[in-house]
C-alpha cells in the first residue's frame, strides 16, 4: 500500500511539473519568461520559509556554505536557465523528451564521482539512451536545431544537481533544500530577464496563470518528496517518466505540437534504457538478500 501511495505521489509530481512547464511557455508569449521565474521562485521560497519557521529551521544558516548544497544551488540555477530557455524556444514535448535522459546522466556521474559499478548491460543501456538523445537532436543533419542544445545543457545541469543532492549531509532538512531551490529559481529568472524579452504583462489573465504555475511548482516538489519518502525508490522512480506523457499531451492539446517519428523513436530509446537501468539497479540491490536467504 505504501508503494502505491508513493507511485501516486510521483505521478502527481510529474503532472504538476509538466503543467508548470506548459504554463511558463504560455506566459512567455505575453511577458518576459525571467519575470515568470522570479514570481514562481519567490512564491515557493516564501511558502517553504514559512514551513521552516514553523518547524524552527533557520533559513539564514551556515548550512548554505556546505559545499554540496552550494554546488546543488549553482546547478539548480544553471539548469533552470537552460530549461526555461529550451521550453520557450522549442516544442515542449521535444524538450521534455531530451530531459528524460537526466537519470542516465546521473548514473554515469555516479560511476565517475561515487565509484558506482556498472556491468556491460547497464553500460549498453546508457549508450542506448544517449543514442536516443542523438536521434532527437539529429546533429549534422539539415533538421538539426541548435536550440535543442539548450535542453541538453539543462539535462546535464539537472543531473549535476541530483548528484550534488546525494552528497548533501542528511542533517540538512529537506525543507531548507527546497527553500534554497526556489531561491535559485528566482535568481535564474533574474539572469534570464535581459535575454528573453516579451510584451508587458496582461495583469488579470497573467496573474492567475502565474499563481497556477507557482502552485504547480510547490505541489510538484511536495509530491516528489512524499513519493521518495513513502515508497521504495526502485519502485517509484520509474514513474518519473510519466512526465513525458504529460508533456506530449499538453504539447498536443495546448500548443498543437505534432511529434515526428525521429522524436518518438528517440524518446522510446531514452525511456526504454532508463527503465532497464532502474530494473538492473533494483536487481543488483536485491541480489545480496537473495544470496543470504539461499545461504541460510
Protein backbone atom coordinates (compact mmCIF):
# COMPACT_ATOMS: atom_id res chain seq x y z
CA UNK A 1 0.00 0.00 0.00
CA UNK A 2 2.86 2.41 0.78
CA UNK A 3 4.36 1.80 -2.64
CA UNK A 4 1.01 2.52 -4.29
CA UNK A 5 0.80 5.80 -2.41
CA UNK A 6 4.37 6.60 -3.42
CA UNK A 7 3.55 5.89 -7.08
CA UNK A 8 0.50 8.14 -6.83
CA UNK A 9 2.57 10.99 -5.41
CA UNK A 10 5.23 10.52 -8.11
CA UNK A 11 2.64 10.69 -10.90
CA UNK A 12 1.11 13.78 -9.26
CA UNK A 13 4.56 15.38 -9.10
CA UNK A 14 5.29 14.71 -12.77
CA UNK A 15 1.87 16.04 -13.81
CA UNK A 16 2.47 19.18 -11.74
CA UNK A 17 5.93 19.80 -13.22
CA UNK A 18 4.69 19.23 -16.78
CA UNK A 19 1.79 21.64 -16.23
CA UNK A 20 4.20 24.18 -14.72
CA UNK A 21 6.36 23.95 -17.85
CA UNK A 22 3.31 24.47 -20.06
CA UNK A 23 2.22 27.49 -18.03
CA UNK A 24 5.71 29.02 -18.24
CA UNK A 25 5.72 28.50 -22.01
CA UNK A 26 2.25 30.07 -22.28
CA UNK A 27 3.17 33.06 -20.12
CA UNK A 28 6.42 33.62 -22.05
CA UNK A 29 4.32 34.54 -25.10
CA UNK A 30 2.97 37.61 -23.34
CA UNK A 31 5.59 38.55 -20.73
CA UNK A 32 9.32 38.02 -20.08
CA UNK A 33 9.98 34.42 -19.02
CA UNK A 34 12.50 35.69 -16.46
CA UNK A 35 9.77 37.54 -14.60
CA UNK A 36 7.70 34.35 -14.53
CA UNK A 37 10.56 32.51 -12.82
CA UNK A 38 11.12 35.33 -10.35
CA UNK A 39 7.44 35.27 -9.35
CA UNK A 40 7.24 31.47 -9.06
CA UNK A 41 10.58 31.28 -7.25
CA UNK A 42 9.64 33.92 -4.70
CA UNK A 43 6.24 32.31 -4.07
CA UNK A 44 7.87 28.94 -3.46
CA UNK A 45 10.61 30.47 -1.29
CA UNK A 46 8.05 32.25 0.89
CA UNK A 47 6.00 29.05 1.22
CA UNK A 48 8.95 26.95 2.35
CA UNK A 49 10.30 29.77 4.52
CA UNK A 50 7.01 29.70 6.43
CA UNK A 51 7.28 25.93 6.83
CA UNK A 52 10.88 26.25 8.01
CA UNK A 53 9.91 28.93 10.50
CA UNK A 54 7.06 26.79 11.81
CA UNK A 55 9.49 23.95 12.48
CA UNK A 56 12.20 26.16 13.92
CA UNK A 57 14.59 25.77 10.97
CA UNK A 58 16.83 28.78 10.32
CA UNK A 59 16.97 29.66 6.61
CA UNK A 60 19.91 32.03 7.09
CA UNK A 61 22.26 29.34 8.18
CA UNK A 62 25.90 28.25 7.79
CA UNK A 63 24.42 25.17 6.11
CA UNK A 64 24.22 27.16 2.88
CA UNK A 65 28.03 27.22 2.81
CA UNK A 66 28.07 23.44 2.81
CA UNK A 67 29.92 22.61 -0.41
CA UNK A 68 27.47 20.02 -1.86
CA UNK A 69 24.50 22.29 -1.08
CA UNK A 70 26.25 25.27 -2.65
CA UNK A 71 27.07 23.22 -5.75
CA UNK A 72 23.47 21.99 -5.85
CA UNK A 73 22.17 25.56 -5.78
CA UNK A 74 24.51 26.65 -8.58
CA UNK A 75 23.49 23.65 -10.70
CA UNK A 76 19.82 24.43 -9.97
CA UNK A 77 20.28 27.98 -11.26
CA UNK A 78 22.04 26.81 -14.42
CA UNK A 79 19.52 24.02 -15.02
CA UNK A 80 16.54 26.36 -14.63
CA UNK A 81 18.05 28.94 -17.01
CA UNK A 82 18.69 26.33 -19.71
CA UNK A 83 15.41 24.50 -19.17
CA UNK A 84 13.21 27.58 -19.48
CA UNK A 85 15.20 28.86 -22.46
CA UNK A 86 14.60 25.46 -24.08
CA UNK A 87 10.86 25.10 -23.45
CA UNK A 88 10.26 28.70 -24.56
CA UNK A 89 12.27 28.25 -27.79
CA UNK A 90 11.29 24.73 -28.91
CA UNK A 91 8.34 22.29 -28.71
CA UNK A 92 7.54 21.32 -25.13
CA UNK A 93 7.36 17.61 -25.97
CA UNK A 94 10.80 17.61 -27.64
CA UNK A 95 12.49 19.47 -24.77
CA UNK A 96 10.87 17.13 -22.25
CA UNK A 97 11.97 14.06 -24.19
CA UNK A 98 15.61 15.19 -24.17
CA UNK A 99 15.47 15.99 -20.46
CA UNK A 100 14.28 12.43 -19.69
CA UNK A 101 17.92 11.44 -20.16
CA UNK A 102 18.75 13.02 -16.78
CA UNK A 103 18.58 9.72 -14.81
CA UNK A 104 21.01 8.21 -17.32
CA UNK A 105 23.43 11.09 -16.81
CA UNK A 106 23.05 10.72 -13.05
CA UNK A 107 24.00 7.05 -13.38
CA UNK A 108 27.06 7.94 -15.44
CA UNK A 109 28.02 10.61 -12.90
CA UNK A 110 27.62 8.13 -10.05
CA UNK A 111 30.25 5.94 -11.72
CA UNK A 112 32.68 8.84 -12.09
CA UNK A 113 32.14 10.52 -8.71
CA UNK A 114 30.90 7.87 -6.29
CA UNK A 115 32.59 4.75 -7.64
CA UNK A 116 29.36 3.00 -8.64
CA UNK A 117 29.95 -0.24 -10.53
CA UNK A 118 28.10 -0.89 -13.80
CA UNK A 119 28.10 -4.14 -15.74
CA UNK A 120 28.05 -4.32 -19.52
CA UNK A 121 24.24 -4.40 -19.59
CA UNK A 122 23.93 -1.07 -17.80
CA UNK A 123 26.63 0.47 -19.99
CA UNK A 124 24.72 -0.76 -23.04
CA UNK A 125 21.53 0.79 -21.64
CA UNK A 126 23.31 4.12 -21.08
CA UNK A 127 24.67 4.05 -24.64
CA UNK A 128 21.17 3.31 -25.98
CA UNK A 129 19.70 6.20 -24.02
CA UNK A 130 22.27 8.67 -25.29
CA UNK A 131 21.72 7.33 -28.81
CA UNK A 132 18.06 8.25 -28.31
CA UNK A 133 19.13 11.81 -27.44
CA UNK A 134 21.16 11.97 -30.67
CA UNK A 135 18.18 10.71 -32.67
CA UNK A 136 16.09 13.59 -31.29
CA UNK A 137 18.77 16.25 -31.71
CA UNK A 138 19.98 14.95 -35.11
CA UNK A 139 23.41 16.60 -35.17
CA UNK A 140 24.94 17.05 -38.61
CA UNK A 141 21.58 16.82 -40.41
CA UNK A 142 19.61 19.60 -42.08
CA UNK A 143 16.87 19.17 -39.47
CA UNK A 144 19.31 19.85 -36.61
CA UNK A 145 18.10 22.71 -34.39
CA UNK A 146 20.86 24.33 -32.27
CA UNK A 147 18.19 25.28 -29.73
CA UNK A 148 17.98 21.60 -28.75
CA UNK A 149 21.42 22.00 -27.17
CA UNK A 150 19.72 24.16 -24.52
CA UNK A 151 17.64 21.15 -23.45
CA UNK A 152 20.80 19.03 -23.39
CA UNK A 153 22.56 21.63 -21.21
CA UNK A 154 19.52 21.67 -18.91
CA UNK A 155 19.70 17.88 -18.63
CA UNK A 156 23.39 17.99 -17.72
CA UNK A 157 22.82 20.74 -15.13
CA UNK A 158 19.86 18.99 -13.51
CA UNK A 159 21.87 15.77 -13.37
CA UNK A 160 24.66 17.66 -11.60
CA UNK A 161 22.05 19.00 -9.16
CA UNK A 162 20.80 15.48 -8.39
CA UNK A 163 24.35 14.20 -7.88
CA UNK A 164 25.12 17.09 -5.54
CA UNK A 165 21.89 16.34 -3.64
CA UNK A 166 23.18 12.85 -2.89
CA UNK A 167 26.22 14.39 -1.22
CA UNK A 168 24.26 16.88 0.92
CA UNK A 169 24.53 15.82 4.61
CA UNK A 170 21.36 14.21 5.92
CA UNK A 171 21.20 16.61 8.85
CA UNK A 172 20.31 19.43 6.44
CA UNK A 173 16.47 19.38 6.32
CA UNK A 174 14.62 18.83 3.03
CA UNK A 175 12.58 21.99 3.68
CA UNK A 176 15.78 24.05 3.75
CA UNK A 177 16.92 22.49 0.47
CA UNK A 178 13.52 23.33 -1.04
CA UNK A 179 13.79 26.93 0.16
CA UNK A 180 17.19 27.36 -1.47
CA UNK A 181 15.91 25.61 -4.60
CA UNK A 182 13.12 28.15 -5.10
CA UNK A 183 15.51 31.00 -4.32
CA UNK A 184 17.72 29.60 -7.09
CA UNK A 185 14.72 29.72 -9.44
CA UNK A 186 14.23 33.41 -8.68
CA UNK A 187 17.93 34.08 -9.32
CA UNK A 188 17.66 32.18 -12.62
CA UNK A 189 14.75 34.44 -13.55
CA UNK A 190 16.90 37.49 -12.90
CA UNK A 191 19.60 36.06 -15.17
CA UNK A 192 17.13 35.29 -17.96
CA UNK A 193 15.20 38.56 -17.90
CA UNK A 194 17.65 40.59 -20.05
CA UNK A 195 17.86 37.82 -22.67
CA UNK A 196 14.26 36.63 -23.11
CA UNK A 197 12.19 39.70 -23.75
CA UNK A 198 8.44 39.75 -24.01
CA UNK A 199 5.48 42.06 -24.08
CA UNK A 200 4.25 43.81 -20.95
CA UNK A 201 2.20 41.50 -18.71
CA UNK A 202 -1.58 41.48 -19.02
CA UNK A 203 -2.41 41.88 -15.35
CA UNK A 204 -5.62 39.89 -14.84
CA UNK A 205 -5.04 36.81 -17.02
CA UNK A 206 -1.31 36.55 -16.38
CA UNK A 207 -1.70 36.88 -12.62
CA UNK A 208 -3.93 33.82 -12.46
CA UNK A 209 -1.57 31.83 -14.69
CA UNK A 210 1.39 32.91 -12.54
CA UNK A 211 -0.38 31.75 -9.39
CA UNK A 212 -1.21 28.43 -11.06
CA UNK A 213 2.44 27.98 -12.08
CA UNK A 214 3.59 28.70 -8.52
CA UNK A 215 1.06 26.24 -7.08
CA UNK A 216 2.17 23.57 -9.58
CA UNK A 217 5.83 24.07 -8.63
CA UNK A 218 5.11 23.83 -4.90
CA UNK A 219 2.75 20.86 -5.35
CA UNK A 220 5.28 19.06 -7.55
CA UNK A 221 8.10 19.47 -5.06
CA UNK A 222 5.94 18.37 -2.13
CA UNK A 223 4.61 15.35 -4.05
CA UNK A 224 8.01 14.12 -5.23
CA UNK A 225 9.39 14.44 -1.69
CA UNK A 226 6.49 12.39 -0.36
CA UNK A 227 6.93 9.81 -3.11
CA UNK A 228 10.60 9.26 -2.32
CA UNK A 229 9.94 9.02 1.42
CA UNK A 230 6.85 6.81 1.34
CA UNK A 231 7.63 4.31 -1.43
CA UNK A 232 10.67 2.25 -2.28
CA UNK A 233 12.99 4.26 -4.53
CA UNK A 234 13.34 1.44 -7.08
CA UNK A 235 9.54 1.13 -7.30
CA UNK A 236 8.51 4.78 -7.57
CA UNK A 237 11.43 6.17 -9.62
CA UNK A 238 10.35 4.63 -12.99
CA UNK A 239 7.17 6.69 -12.80
CA UNK A 240 9.28 9.83 -13.30
CA UNK A 241 8.95 9.06 -16.99
CA UNK A 242 5.22 9.80 -16.91
CA UNK A 243 6.31 13.44 -17.14
CA UNK A 244 7.00 12.89 -20.84
CA UNK A 245 3.50 11.52 -21.39
CA UNK A 246 2.00 14.58 -19.72
CA UNK A 247 4.31 16.88 -21.72
CA UNK A 248 3.36 15.26 -25.05
CA UNK A 249 -0.35 15.52 -24.17
CA UNK A 250 -0.08 19.17 -23.13
CA UNK A 251 2.03 19.97 -26.18
CA UNK A 252 -0.62 18.44 -28.44
CA UNK A 253 -3.67 19.95 -26.71
CA UNK A 254 -2.35 23.39 -25.75
CA UNK A 255 0.30 24.18 -28.38
CA UNK A 256 -0.79 22.00 -31.29
CA UNK A 257 2.54 20.12 -31.37
CA UNK A 258 2.85 17.03 -33.57
CA UNK A 259 5.92 14.97 -32.57
CA UNK A 260 7.62 13.48 -35.64
CA UNK A 261 8.87 9.90 -36.00
CA UNK A 262 12.54 10.53 -35.03
CA UNK A 263 11.40 12.32 -31.87
CA UNK A 264 9.14 9.42 -30.89
CA UNK A 265 11.85 6.83 -31.66
CA UNK A 266 14.43 8.79 -29.65
CA UNK A 267 12.02 9.16 -26.72
CA UNK A 268 11.31 5.42 -26.79
CA UNK A 269 15.05 4.65 -26.69
CA UNK A 270 15.55 7.02 -23.73
CA UNK A 271 12.58 5.65 -21.80
CA UNK A 272 13.44 2.04 -22.51
CA UNK A 273 17.07 2.42 -21.48
CA UNK A 274 16.14 4.35 -18.35
CA UNK A 275 13.61 1.76 -17.23
CA UNK A 276 16.06 -1.06 -17.92
CA UNK A 277 18.78 0.72 -15.92
CA UNK A 278 16.40 1.07 -12.98
CA UNK A 279 15.47 -2.61 -13.30
CA UNK A 280 19.13 -3.64 -13.20
CA UNK A 281 19.73 -1.40 -10.17
CA UNK A 282 16.80 -2.97 -8.33
CA UNK A 283 18.05 -6.44 -9.27
CA UNK A 284 21.57 -5.64 -8.08
CA UNK A 285 20.28 -4.39 -4.72
CA UNK A 286 18.13 -7.46 -4.14
CA UNK A 287 20.83 -9.94 -5.14
CA UNK A 288 22.74 -9.90 -1.81
CA UNK A 289 19.50 -10.51 0.06
CA UNK A 290 18.63 -13.43 -2.19
CA UNK A 291 22.09 -14.89 -1.76
CA UNK A 292 21.81 -14.54 2.01
CA UNK A 293 18.47 -16.34 2.02
CA UNK A 294 19.87 -19.17 -0.05
CA UNK A 295 22.88 -19.41 2.22
CA UNK A 296 20.58 -19.58 5.18
